[in-house]
Amino acid sequence: MLNLGYPEYEDHQKMHFQILAKAAELKGKFESEEVNGDAFVSFLIDDFIIGHMAEADSKFFPLTRKQV
């Protein structure tokens, strides 16, 4: 993204850190049995796939088409 000149690179990078932090938090809660596996699945689908990949990542896809 940085090499493609994506103007929102820094904000997008912060989103990645937030996703990783939430995943680590859920992992800890799962290991201590505070949440079950459903919480992880919900996070993957709602936050990561739909919330991030489909919405945030798709914003820079036009830049990749220009490079091909």
N, C-alpha and C. Protein backbone atom coordinates (compact mmCIF):
# COMPACT_ATOMS: atom_id res chain seq x y z
N MET A 1 0.83 -1.19 0.00
CA MET A 1 0.00 0.00 0.00
C MET A 1 0.87 1.25 0.00
N LEU A 2 1.92 1.21 0.78
CA LEU A 2 2.81 2.35 0.83
C LEU A 2 3.47 2.58 -0.53
N ASN A 3 3.92 1.50 -1.15
CA ASN A 3 4.56 1.60 -2.46
C ASN A 3 3.60 2.05 -3.56
N LEU A 4 2.33 1.80 -3.36
CA LEU A 4 1.32 2.21 -4.35
C LEU A 4 0.87 3.66 -4.15
N GLY A 5 1.34 4.29 -3.09
CA GLY A 5 0.98 5.67 -2.83
C GLY A 5 -0.42 5.84 -2.24
N TYR A 6 -0.88 4.85 -1.51
CA TYR A 6 -2.21 4.93 -0.90
C TYR A 6 -2.23 6.08 0.11
N PRO A 7 -3.08 7.08 -0.09
CA PRO A 7 -3.06 8.28 0.76
C PRO A 7 -3.48 8.03 2.21
N GLU A 8 -4.20 6.97 2.48
CA GLU A 8 -4.66 6.68 3.84
C GLU A 8 -3.86 5.55 4.48
N TYR A 9 -2.62 5.40 4.04
CA TYR A 9 -1.78 4.29 4.51
C TYR A 9 -1.65 4.26 6.04
N GLU A 10 -1.34 5.39 6.65
CA GLU A 10 -1.12 5.41 8.10
C GLU A 10 -2.38 5.04 8.87
N ASP A 11 -3.52 5.54 8.44
CA ASP A 11 -4.79 5.18 9.10
C ASP A 11 -5.07 3.69 8.92
N HIS A 12 -4.79 3.19 7.73
CA HIS A 12 -5.03 1.78 7.45
C HIS A 12 -4.10 0.90 8.30
N GLN A 13 -2.88 1.34 8.46
CA GLN A 13 -1.93 0.60 9.29
C GLN A 13 -2.42 0.54 10.73
N LYS A 14 -2.99 1.65 11.22
CA LYS A 14 -3.55 1.67 12.58
C LYS A 14 -4.69 0.67 12.71
N MET A 15 -5.50 0.55 11.66
CA MET A 15 -6.58 -0.44 11.68
C MET A 15 -6.02 -1.85 11.85
N HIS A 16 -4.93 -2.13 11.15
CA HIS A 16 -4.31 -3.46 11.27
C HIS A 16 -3.86 -3.72 12.70
N PHE A 17 -3.24 -2.73 13.33
CA PHE A 17 -2.82 -2.89 14.72
C PHE A 17 -4.01 -3.13 15.64
N GLN A 18 -5.12 -2.44 15.38
CA GLN A 18 -6.33 -2.63 16.19
C GLN A 18 -6.90 -4.03 16.01
N ILE A 19 -6.90 -4.52 14.78
CA ILE A 19 -7.40 -5.87 14.52
C ILE A 19 -6.53 -6.90 15.23
N LEU A 20 -5.21 -6.73 15.14
CA LEU A 20 -4.30 -7.66 15.80
C LEU A 20 -4.46 -7.61 17.32
N ALA A 21 -4.67 -6.43 17.87
CA ALA A 21 -4.88 -6.29 19.31
C ALA A 21 -6.16 -6.99 19.75
N LYS A 22 -7.21 -6.82 18.97
CA LYS A 22 -8.48 -7.48 19.31
C LYS A 22 -8.35 -8.99 19.19
N ALA A 23 -7.64 -9.46 18.17
CA ALA A 23 -7.43 -10.90 18.02
C ALA A 23 -6.65 -11.46 19.21
N ALA A 24 -5.62 -10.74 19.65
CA ALA A 24 -4.84 -11.18 20.81
C ALA A 24 -5.69 -11.19 22.08
N GLU A 25 -6.53 -10.18 22.22
CA GLU A 25 -7.43 -10.11 23.38
C GLU A 25 -8.40 -11.30 23.38
N LEU A 26 -8.98 -11.57 22.22
CA LEU A 26 -9.91 -12.70 22.13
C LEU A 26 -9.20 -14.03 22.38
N LYS A 27 -7.99 -14.15 21.90
CA LYS A 27 -7.21 -15.37 22.13
C LYS A 27 -7.01 -15.60 23.62
N GLY A 28 -6.63 -14.54 24.32
CA GLY A 28 -6.45 -14.64 25.76
C GLY A 28 -7.74 -15.01 26.48
N LYS A 29 -8.83 -14.39 26.07
CA LYS A 29 -10.12 -14.70 26.69
C LYS A 29 -10.57 -16.12 26.38
N PHE A 30 -10.25 -16.58 25.17
CA PHE A 30 -10.60 -17.95 24.80
C PHE A 30 -9.79 -18.94 25.64
N GLU A 31 -8.50 -18.65 25.78
CA GLU A 31 -7.63 -19.55 26.55
C GLU A 31 -8.02 -19.59 28.02
N SER A 32 -8.53 -18.49 28.55
CA SER A 32 -8.97 -18.47 29.94
C SER A 32 -10.45 -18.82 30.08
N GLU A 33 -11.04 -19.25 28.98
CA GLU A 33 -12.42 -19.71 28.92
C GLU A 33 -13.45 -18.62 29.27
N GLU A 34 -13.10 -17.36 29.02
CA GLU A 34 -14.05 -16.26 29.21
C GLU A 34 -15.01 -16.17 28.03
N VAL A 35 -14.56 -16.58 26.85
CA VAL A 35 -15.41 -16.62 25.66
C VAL A 35 -15.22 -17.97 24.98
N ASN A 36 -16.20 -18.32 24.15
CA ASN A 36 -16.08 -19.58 23.41
C ASN A 36 -15.63 -19.31 21.98
N GLY A 37 -15.50 -20.33 21.19
CA GLY A 37 -15.05 -20.21 19.82
C GLY A 37 -15.95 -19.36 18.95
N ASP A 38 -17.21 -19.24 19.33
CA ASP A 38 -18.14 -18.42 18.54
C ASP A 38 -17.71 -16.96 18.49
N ALA A 39 -17.10 -16.48 19.56
CA ALA A 39 -16.63 -15.09 19.59
C ALA A 39 -15.53 -14.88 18.57
N PHE A 40 -14.66 -15.87 18.41
CA PHE A 40 -13.59 -15.79 17.42
C PHE A 40 -14.15 -15.80 16.01
N VAL A 41 -15.11 -16.67 15.76
CA VAL A 41 -15.74 -16.76 14.43
C VAL A 41 -16.45 -15.45 14.11
N SER A 42 -17.16 -14.91 15.07
CA SER A 42 -17.86 -13.64 14.88
C SER A 42 -16.86 -12.52 14.56
N PHE A 43 -15.75 -12.48 15.28
CA PHE A 43 -14.72 -11.48 15.03
C PHE A 43 -14.16 -11.63 13.62
N LEU A 44 -13.85 -12.85 13.22
CA LEU A 44 -13.29 -13.08 11.89
C LEU A 44 -14.24 -12.63 10.79
N ILE A 45 -15.51 -12.97 10.93
CA ILE A 45 -16.47 -12.63 9.89
C ILE A 45 -16.84 -11.15 9.94
N ASP A 46 -17.29 -10.68 11.09
CA ASP A 46 -17.80 -9.31 11.20
C ASP A 46 -16.70 -8.24 11.11
N ASP A 47 -15.68 -8.41 11.92
CA ASP A 47 -14.66 -7.36 12.01
C ASP A 47 -13.60 -7.48 10.91
N PHE A 48 -13.12 -8.69 10.69
CA PHE A 48 -12.00 -8.85 9.77
C PHE A 48 -12.44 -8.95 8.31
N ILE A 49 -13.30 -9.89 8.01
CA ILE A 49 -13.68 -10.10 6.60
C ILE A 49 -14.60 -8.99 6.10
N ILE A 50 -15.70 -8.75 6.80
CA ILE A 50 -16.65 -7.74 6.33
C ILE A 50 -16.16 -6.34 6.66
N GLY A 51 -15.83 -6.11 7.91
CA GLY A 51 -15.46 -4.77 8.34
C GLY A 51 -14.15 -4.26 7.77
N HIS A 52 -13.18 -5.14 7.64
CA HIS A 52 -11.88 -4.66 7.17
C HIS A 52 -11.62 -5.01 5.71
N MET A 53 -11.62 -6.27 5.40
CA MET A 53 -11.26 -6.66 4.04
C MET A 53 -12.22 -6.12 3.00
N ALA A 54 -13.51 -6.27 3.24
CA ALA A 54 -14.50 -5.86 2.25
C ALA A 54 -14.66 -4.34 2.18
N GLU A 55 -14.49 -3.66 3.30
CA GLU A 55 -14.71 -2.22 3.31
C GLU A 55 -13.40 -1.43 3.22
N ALA A 56 -12.49 -1.64 4.16
CA ALA A 56 -11.28 -0.83 4.21
C ALA A 56 -10.26 -1.22 3.13
N ASP A 57 -10.02 -2.51 2.97
CA ASP A 57 -9.03 -2.93 1.97
C ASP A 57 -9.47 -2.61 0.55
N SER A 58 -10.74 -2.70 0.31
CA SER A 58 -11.23 -2.47 -1.06
C SER A 58 -11.00 -1.04 -1.54
N LYS A 59 -10.75 -0.11 -0.63
CA LYS A 59 -10.52 1.28 -1.01
C LYS A 59 -9.22 1.46 -1.80
N PHE A 60 -8.25 0.57 -1.59
CA PHE A 60 -7.00 0.74 -2.32
C PHE A 60 -6.89 -0.19 -3.53
N PHE A 61 -7.88 -1.01 -3.79
CA PHE A 61 -7.85 -1.90 -4.95
C PHE A 61 -7.65 -1.17 -6.28
N PRO A 62 -8.28 -0.01 -6.48
CA PRO A 62 -8.06 0.69 -7.76
C PRO A 62 -6.58 1.02 -8.01
N LEU A 63 -5.83 1.23 -6.96
CA LEU A 63 -4.39 1.51 -7.14
C LEU A 63 -3.65 0.29 -7.68
N THR A 64 -4.10 -0.90 -7.29
CA THR A 64 -3.42 -2.10 -7.78
C THR A 64 -3.71 -2.34 -9.25
N ARG A 65 -4.86 -1.94 -9.72
CA ARG A 65 -5.20 -2.10 -11.14
C ARG A 65 -4.33 -1.23 -12.02
N LYS A 66 -3.96 -0.06 -11.53
CA LYS A 66 -3.11 0.84 -12.30
C LYS A 66 -1.71 0.28 -12.49
N GLN A 67 -1.26 -0.57 -11.55
CA GLN A 67 0.08 -1.12 -11.60
C GLN A 67 0.23 -2.30 -12.51
N VAL A 68 -0.89 -2.94 -12.89
CA VAL A 68 -0.82 -4.18 -13.70
C VAL A 68 -0.56 -3.88 -15.14
